[in-house]
Protein backbone atom coordinates (compact mmCIF):
# COMPACT_ATOMS: atom_id res chain seq x y z
CA MET A 1 -13.48 23.15 -21.59
CA GLN A 2 -11.01 24.68 -19.50
CA ILE A 3 -10.73 24.45 -16.05
CA THR A 4 -8.38 24.79 -13.79
CA ALA A 5 -6.22 22.44 -10.92
CA GLN A 6 -7.27 24.68 -7.84
CA GLU A 7 -11.10 24.66 -9.25
CA ILE A 8 -10.88 20.61 -10.16
CA SER A 9 -9.48 20.27 -6.25
CA VAL A 10 -12.37 22.25 -4.80
CA PHE A 11 -14.66 20.28 -7.17
CA LEU A 12 -13.35 16.89 -6.04
CA ASN A 13 -12.91 17.92 -1.76
CA GLY A 14 -9.15 17.10 -2.57
CA THR A 15 -6.03 18.83 -1.53
CA LEU A 16 -3.71 20.25 -3.93
CA GLU A 17 0.16 20.05 -4.21
CA GLY A 18 1.96 22.06 -6.84
CA ASN A 19 0.93 24.90 -9.57
CA PRO A 20 -2.49 25.37 -9.30
CA LYS A 21 -3.11 27.70 -11.76
CA ALA A 22 -2.40 24.56 -13.96
CA VAL A 23 -5.23 24.61 -17.12
CA ILE A 24 -6.68 21.22 -18.06
CA GLN A 25 -8.39 20.78 -21.13
CA ARG A 26 -9.43 17.21 -21.27
CA PRO A 27 -8.94 13.77 -19.46
CA ALA A 28 -6.68 11.28 -20.23
CA ARG A 29 -5.22 8.05 -19.58
CA ILE A 30 -1.70 8.57 -17.49
CA GLU A 31 0.42 6.63 -20.18
CA GLU A 32 -1.03 8.52 -22.95
CA ALA A 33 -1.28 12.09 -21.49
CA GLN A 34 -0.16 15.27 -22.48
CA THR A 35 0.37 18.72 -21.17
CA GLY A 36 -3.23 20.20 -20.53
CA ASP A 37 -4.03 16.68 -19.64
CA ILE A 38 -5.71 15.32 -16.39
CA CYS A 39 -5.23 11.37 -15.48
CA PHE A 40 -5.54 9.15 -12.54
CA LEU A 41 -3.58 6.61 -10.71
CA ALA A 42 -5.14 4.15 -8.80
CA ASN A 43 -3.90 0.70 -9.86
CA PRO A 44 -0.11 -0.37 -8.43
CA LYS A 45 0.59 -1.48 -11.76
CA TYR A 46 0.70 1.73 -12.99
CA HIS A 47 2.91 3.24 -11.00
CA PRO A 48 5.56 3.74 -13.10
CA PHE A 49 4.06 5.78 -15.14
CA ALA A 50 2.99 8.51 -12.68
CA TYR A 51 7.28 9.23 -13.01
CA THR A 52 7.15 9.41 -17.12
CA THR A 53 3.62 11.07 -17.83
CA GLU A 54 3.41 14.64 -19.18
CA ALA A 55 0.18 15.36 -17.89
CA SER A 56 -0.18 18.40 -16.33
CA VAL A 57 -2.16 17.21 -13.22
CA LEU A 58 -2.39 13.20 -11.33
CA LEU A 59 -5.61 12.57 -9.40
CA VAL A 60 -3.85 10.18 -6.71
CA GLY A 61 -5.42 8.62 -3.18
CA ARG A 62 -4.15 10.25 -0.32
CA ASP A 63 -2.32 7.80 0.54
CA PHE A 64 0.01 7.79 -2.28
CA LYS A 65 3.79 8.09 -1.69
CA PRO A 66 6.15 8.93 -4.33
CA GLU A 67 9.70 7.60 -4.54
CA LYS A 68 10.99 10.17 -6.64
CA PRO A 69 10.25 13.36 -7.57
CA LEU A 70 7.18 14.19 -10.17
CA ASN A 71 5.84 16.17 -12.63
CA PRO A 72 2.61 16.98 -12.81
CA THR A 73 0.42 18.78 -9.85
CA LEU A 74 -0.84 16.35 -7.64
CA ILE A 75 -4.66 15.85 -6.39
CA ARG A 76 -5.10 13.70 -3.39
CA VAL A 77 -8.71 12.45 -2.67
CA ASP A 78 -10.41 9.75 -1.01
CA ASP A 79 -11.72 7.98 -3.44
CA VAL A 80 -9.80 7.63 -7.27
CA TYR A 81 -12.63 5.88 -8.76
CA SER A 82 -15.45 8.16 -7.58
CA CYS A 83 -13.42 11.04 -8.17
CA VAL A 84 -12.99 10.11 -11.81
CA SER A 85 -16.82 9.28 -12.43
CA LEU A 86 -17.50 12.99 -11.41
CA LEU A 87 -14.71 14.22 -13.38
CA LEU A 88 -16.20 12.35 -16.61
CA GLU A 89 -19.16 13.77 -16.11
CA LYS A 90 -18.33 17.10 -15.78
CA PHE A 91 -16.15 16.96 -18.78
CA GLY A 92 -19.34 15.82 -20.75
CA GLN A 93 -17.90 12.72 -22.19
CA SER A 94 -21.86 12.11 -23.48
CA ILE A 95 -22.49 14.49 -26.19
CA PRO A 96 -25.69 15.91 -25.88
CA GLN A 97 -28.76 15.55 -28.58
CA THR A 98 -30.89 18.71 -28.52
CA SER A 99 -34.27 17.87 -27.85
CA GLY A 100 -37.18 17.54 -30.16
CA ILE A 101 -38.51 14.23 -32.06
CA ASP A 102 -36.16 14.16 -35.27
CA THR A 103 -38.30 14.38 -38.75
CA GLN A 104 -36.89 10.79 -40.18
CA ALA A 105 -38.32 9.84 -36.52
CA TYR A 106 -41.91 8.13 -35.77
CA ALA A 107 -43.87 8.77 -32.85
CA HIS A 108 -47.89 7.21 -32.61
CA PRO A 109 -50.05 10.14 -31.90
CA SER A 110 -50.78 8.35 -28.50
CA ALA A 111 -47.22 8.49 -27.49
CA GLN A 112 -47.11 10.87 -24.24
CA ILE A 113 -43.77 12.44 -24.80
CA ALA A 114 -42.11 15.10 -22.01
CA ALA A 115 -40.85 18.09 -22.47
CA GLU A 116 -36.76 18.41 -23.12
CA VAL A 117 -36.77 14.42 -24.65
CA SER A 118 -35.11 13.97 -27.60
CA VAL A 119 -36.00 11.24 -30.33
CA GLY A 120 -33.09 10.95 -33.27
CA ALA A 121 -33.49 9.60 -36.33
CA PHE A 122 -34.89 6.07 -37.42
CA SER A 123 -36.35 5.76 -34.13
CA TYR A 124 -39.55 4.11 -33.56
CA VAL A 125 -42.20 5.49 -31.01
CA ALA A 126 -45.28 2.89 -30.53
CA GLU A 127 -48.78 3.61 -29.38
CA GLY A 128 -49.16 4.49 -25.75
CA VAL A 129 -45.58 4.99 -25.04
CA THR A 130 -44.39 7.18 -22.38
CA ILE A 131 -41.57 8.81 -22.23
CA GLY A 132 -40.60 11.41 -19.29
CA LYS A 133 -38.45 14.48 -19.02
CA GLN A 134 -34.69 15.14 -20.31
CA THR A 135 -35.12 11.48 -21.69
CA THR A 136 -32.52 11.07 -25.03
CA VAL A 137 -33.47 8.52 -27.40
CA TYR A 138 -31.02 7.39 -29.72
CA PRO A 139 -31.34 6.89 -33.80
CA GLN A 140 -32.62 3.51 -34.84
CA VAL A 141 -34.14 3.24 -31.01
CA TYR A 142 -37.07 1.01 -31.46
CA ILE A 143 -39.91 1.31 -28.15
CA GLY A 144 -42.78 -1.04 -27.94
CA LYS A 145 -46.47 -0.56 -27.43
CA ASN A 146 -47.17 0.42 -24.07
CA ALA A 147 -43.78 0.32 -23.03
CA THR A 148 -43.00 3.43 -20.06
CA ILE A 149 -39.37 4.96 -20.25
CA GLY A 150 -38.45 7.18 -17.27
CA LYS A 151 -37.18 10.66 -16.53
CA ASN A 152 -33.39 11.06 -17.54
CA VAL A 153 -33.13 8.01 -19.55
CA THR A 154 -30.44 7.48 -22.08
CA LEU A 155 -31.71 4.79 -24.62
CA HIS A 156 -28.32 4.28 -27.06
CA PRO A 157 -28.40 3.44 -30.83
CA GLY A 158 -29.71 0.50 -31.76
CA VAL A 159 -31.84 -0.71 -28.02
CA ARG A 160 -34.84 -2.67 -28.68
CA ILE A 161 -37.43 -2.28 -26.04
CA TYR A 162 -40.21 -4.75 -25.95
CA ARG A 163 -44.48 -4.18 -25.44
CA ASP A 164 -45.38 -3.31 -21.84
CA CYS A 165 -41.98 -2.74 -20.44
CA VAL A 166 -40.99 -0.40 -18.26
CA ILE A 167 -37.55 1.61 -17.71
CA GLY A 168 -36.73 3.26 -14.72
CA ASP A 169 -35.92 7.15 -14.26
CA GLY A 170 -31.64 7.84 -15.11
CA CYS A 171 -31.37 4.28 -16.69
CA VAL A 172 -28.84 3.93 -19.12
CA ILE A 173 -29.01 1.07 -21.85
CA HIS A 174 -26.31 0.77 -24.25
CA SER A 175 -26.32 0.03 -28.22
CA ASN A 176 -28.17 -3.53 -28.93
CA ALA A 177 -29.00 -4.45 -26.01
CA VAL A 178 -33.15 -6.03 -26.08
CA ILE A 179 -35.33 -5.57 -23.26
CA GLY A 180 -38.34 -8.03 -23.06
CA SER A 181 -37.58 -10.34 -25.68
CA ASP A 182 -39.76 -13.73 -25.25
CA GLY A 183 -38.20 -16.01 -21.88
CA PHE A 184 -37.36 -19.27 -23.28
CA GLY A 185 -40.37 -21.46 -22.91
CA PHE A 186 -41.35 -24.40 -24.77
CA ALA A 187 -43.54 -27.37 -23.26
CA PRO A 188 -42.25 -30.80 -25.09
CA GLN A 189 -44.75 -33.02 -27.18
CA GLU A 190 -45.38 -36.61 -28.02
CA ASP A 191 -44.22 -36.62 -30.93
CA GLY A 192 -40.97 -35.18 -30.37
CA THR A 193 -41.44 -31.84 -31.25
CA TYR A 194 -42.18 -29.00 -29.28
CA LYS A 195 -44.92 -26.11 -28.70
CA LYS A 196 -43.88 -22.65 -27.93
CA ILE A 197 -45.09 -21.37 -24.07
CA PRO A 198 -46.73 -17.72 -24.98
CA GLN A 199 -44.58 -15.10 -22.83
CA ILE A 200 -47.20 -12.63 -21.59
CA GLY A 201 -45.30 -11.00 -19.18
CA HIS A 202 -42.90 -7.54 -19.22
CA VAL A 203 -39.54 -6.65 -18.09
CA ILE A 204 -39.08 -3.52 -14.92
CA LEU A 205 -35.98 -1.68 -14.79
CA GLY A 206 -35.61 0.14 -11.56
CA LYS A 207 -33.93 3.68 -11.11
CA ASP A 208 -30.57 4.30 -12.27
CA VAL A 209 -29.90 0.80 -13.67
CA GLU A 210 -27.23 0.16 -16.32
CA VAL A 211 -27.53 -2.24 -19.03
CA GLY A 212 -24.44 -2.74 -21.26
CA SER A 213 -23.90 -3.41 -25.05
CA ASN A 214 -25.63 -6.84 -26.23
CA THR A 215 -27.32 -7.89 -23.01
CA VAL A 216 -30.68 -9.63 -23.08
CA ILE A 217 -33.12 -9.42 -20.50
CA ASP A 218 -36.12 -11.53 -21.34
CA ARG A 219 -39.57 -10.57 -20.10
CA ALA A 220 -41.22 -12.57 -17.63
CA THR A 221 -43.77 -15.71 -18.77
CA LEU A 222 -46.39 -14.19 -16.01
CA GLY A 223 -45.36 -10.78 -13.95
CA ALA A 224 -42.23 -9.26 -14.31
CA THR A 225 -38.59 -10.52 -15.02
CA HIS A 226 -37.26 -7.42 -12.60
CA ILE A 227 -33.72 -5.58 -12.17
CA LYS A 228 -33.71 -3.65 -8.78
CA ASP A 229 -32.64 -0.14 -8.58
CA GLY A 230 -29.02 0.91 -8.69
CA ALA A 231 -28.39 -2.29 -10.92
CA LYS A 232 -25.28 -2.74 -13.37
CA LEU A 233 -25.19 -5.05 -16.13
CA ASP A 234 -22.29 -5.19 -18.41
CA ASN A 235 -22.06 -6.26 -22.04
CA LEU A 236 -23.39 -10.04 -23.64
CA ILE A 237 -25.25 -10.93 -20.30
CA GLN A 238 -28.48 -12.96 -20.72
CA ILE A 239 -30.94 -12.47 -18.45
CA ALA A 240 -33.88 -15.09 -18.41
CA HIS A 241 -37.93 -15.00 -18.05
CA ASN A 242 -38.79 -14.10 -14.17
CA VAL A 243 -35.18 -13.76 -13.02
CA GLU A 244 -34.90 -10.74 -9.96
CA ILE A 245 -31.75 -9.05 -9.90
CA GLY A 246 -31.60 -7.20 -6.51
CA GLU A 247 -30.34 -3.56 -5.44
CA ASN A 248 -27.37 -2.52 -6.44
CA THR A 249 -25.76 -6.16 -8.17
CA VAL A 250 -23.51 -5.56 -10.28
CA ILE A 251 -22.87 -8.38 -13.13
CA ALA A 252 -19.95 -9.21 -15.48
CA ALA A 253 -19.59 -9.78 -19.60
CA GLN A 254 -20.58 -12.87 -20.54
CA ALA A 255 -22.83 -14.30 -17.63
CA GLY A 256 -25.95 -16.14 -17.97
CA ILE A 257 -28.91 -16.18 -15.43
CA ALA A 258 -31.26 -19.00 -15.64
CA GLY A 259 -35.46 -19.00 -15.30
CA SER A 260 -36.96 -17.58 -11.92
CA THR A 261 -33.60 -17.41 -10.11
CA LYS A 262 -33.57 -14.60 -7.23
CA MET A 263 -30.53 -12.97 -6.67
CA GLY A 264 -30.22 -10.62 -3.81
CA LYS A 265 -28.62 -6.73 -2.96
CA ASN A 266 -25.18 -5.87 -3.41
CA CYS A 267 -23.91 -8.76 -4.81
CA MET A 268 -20.82 -8.94 -7.40
CA ILE A 269 -20.71 -11.64 -10.14
CA GLY A 270 -17.72 -11.98 -12.51
CA GLY A 271 -17.56 -12.79 -15.93
CA GLN A 272 -18.83 -15.97 -17.97
CA ALA A 273 -20.35 -17.08 -14.54
CA GLY A 274 -23.50 -18.98 -14.75
CA PHE A 275 -26.78 -19.97 -12.68
CA VAL A 276 -29.19 -22.85 -12.77
CA GLY A 277 -32.52 -21.57 -13.08
CA HIS A 278 -34.92 -21.51 -9.58
CA ILE A 279 -32.14 -20.79 -7.17
CA THR A 280 -31.68 -17.99 -4.42
CA VAL A 281 -28.74 -16.14 -4.31
CA ALA A 282 -28.09 -14.44 -0.68
CA ASP A 283 -27.05 -10.57 -0.47
CA GLY A 284 -23.74 -9.49 -1.27
CA SER A 285 -22.75 -12.74 -2.77
CA LYS A 286 -19.30 -12.75 -4.30
CA VAL A 287 -18.88 -15.35 -7.23
CA GLN A 288 -15.64 -15.57 -9.41
CA ALA A 289 -15.34 -15.75 -12.90
CA GLN A 290 -16.05 -18.66 -15.17
CA SER A 291 -17.47 -20.33 -11.76
CA GLY A 292 -21.49 -22.80 -12.45
CA VAL A 293 -23.41 -21.92 -9.72
CA SER A 294 -25.73 -25.20 -9.18
CA ARG A 295 -27.92 -24.76 -6.05
CA SER A 296 -28.60 -22.02 -3.85
CA LEU A 297 -25.89 -19.37 -2.08
CA LYS A 298 -27.40 -18.98 1.20
CA THR A 299 -25.18 -17.09 3.18
CA PRO A 300 -24.89 -13.41 3.09
CA GLY A 301 -21.92 -12.10 1.79
CA GLY A 302 -20.18 -15.45 0.52
CA ALA A 303 -17.50 -16.01 -1.63
CA TRP A 304 -17.63 -18.53 -4.62
CA HIS A 305 -15.39 -20.16 -6.70
CA GLY A 306 -15.34 -23.47 -9.21
CA SER A 307 -17.78 -24.89 -11.48
CA PRO A 308 -20.11 -26.81 -9.64
CA ALA A 309 -18.93 -23.29 -7.33
CA PHE A 310 -18.28 -23.83 -3.41
CA ASN A 311 -16.25 -21.46 -0.96
CA TYR A 312 -13.92 -19.52 -2.15
CA SER A 313 -11.18 -19.92 0.05
CA ASP A 314 -11.49 -24.17 0.09
CA PHE A 315 -11.81 -23.06 -3.67
CA MET A 316 -7.81 -21.68 -3.61
CA ARG A 317 -6.62 -24.60 -0.87
CA SER A 318 -7.64 -27.28 -3.60
CA GLN A 319 -5.96 -25.30 -6.13
CA VAL A 320 -2.79 -25.83 -4.27
CA VAL A 321 -3.84 -29.48 -3.94
CA PHE A 322 -4.08 -30.07 -7.53
CA LYS A 323 -1.39 -28.34 -8.80
CA ASN A 324 0.45 -31.01 -6.72
CA LEU A 325 -1.24 -33.83 -7.88
CA PRO A 326 1.08 -35.38 -10.18
CA ASP A 327 3.93 -35.11 -7.51
CA LEU A 328 1.35 -36.48 -5.23
CA ALA A 329 0.40 -39.80 -7.83
CA LYS A 330 4.47 -40.38 -7.83
CA LYS A 331 4.17 -40.82 -4.31
CA ILE A 332 1.89 -42.79 -3.90
CA HIS A 333 3.15 -44.82 -6.53
CA GLU A 334 6.13 -45.49 -4.85
CA LEU A 335 4.07 -45.74 -1.61
CA GLU A 336 3.00 -49.04 -3.39
CA LYS A 337 5.75 -50.12 -4.55
CA ILE A 338 7.63 -50.01 -1.02
CA ILE A 339 4.35 -51.92 0.96
CA GLU A 340 4.56 -54.74 -1.91
CA GLU A 341 8.08 -55.07 -1.18
CA LEU A 342 7.67 -55.04 2.77
CA LYS A 343 4.81 -58.18 1.95
CA GLY A 344 7.45 -59.88 -0.39
CA GLY A 345 10.10 -59.89 2.13
């Protein structure tokens, strides 16, 4: 693909400074870009590369103030990250498949597969499945009995969708994610063994949900595990049975959420955070990485850290005290000696 700096500036509603006729062939990282590339600058850590990059065009925020002359043409925009997303979409980073069912794929005769759907080789579409138009099913995907897949969905290689699950319009599910595996339910018996509790519910993904590679979302024991519209899940996340994730909540890698926890909308959850079961998390909560949440978080918009998690600002003040504990212990020991000497005197 070839496009001029002027065309990109118009597309992004930006302000151009430099050569409007500069031709762009591809996006690239700022530290690796060459002539014909467009790169972006949003993180201050990468400012030095702005003066050494060989890129033809550099995307920056409107408040960017160069400290010395720059070689690339600049395009100033309101929100760099949002514009990068638009650019990558325009440059077509996802390689489209042609529509149709590959001869090496299997689709049950009862499956309802809309027009402009692509089903890749060695994929399996079971009885009673419904797939909406313009959906892409890459090779080696399994779609279980009576599952419903919406419009414009992308199922990357190796995805497994169990029976009865519902995938909303515009969802993206990355390789080896599992949607609808059994929840972890076992009843202890008198002889010390465990009897499996049948998990007869399902999973519902709302519209525009993205699920990362190797993430697992368990089906409900009864009812549904529900990931609501716009939620984004990173790789290697465990969502247990009957969990609810609110609209536009984002969860980073290796987080784990135990059964029946209800998480609000617009939450931001850091990597390796853990949540016990049967609690609620208020809308807009921000939970820092590696935090352990052992009780309900009831304050909307609150920030939390630690294990067990508590108020973020209190945690940071506590950290200051914690790192000074050796000196504090030494001072206490000295004061004890003085007290003992005073008693003796």
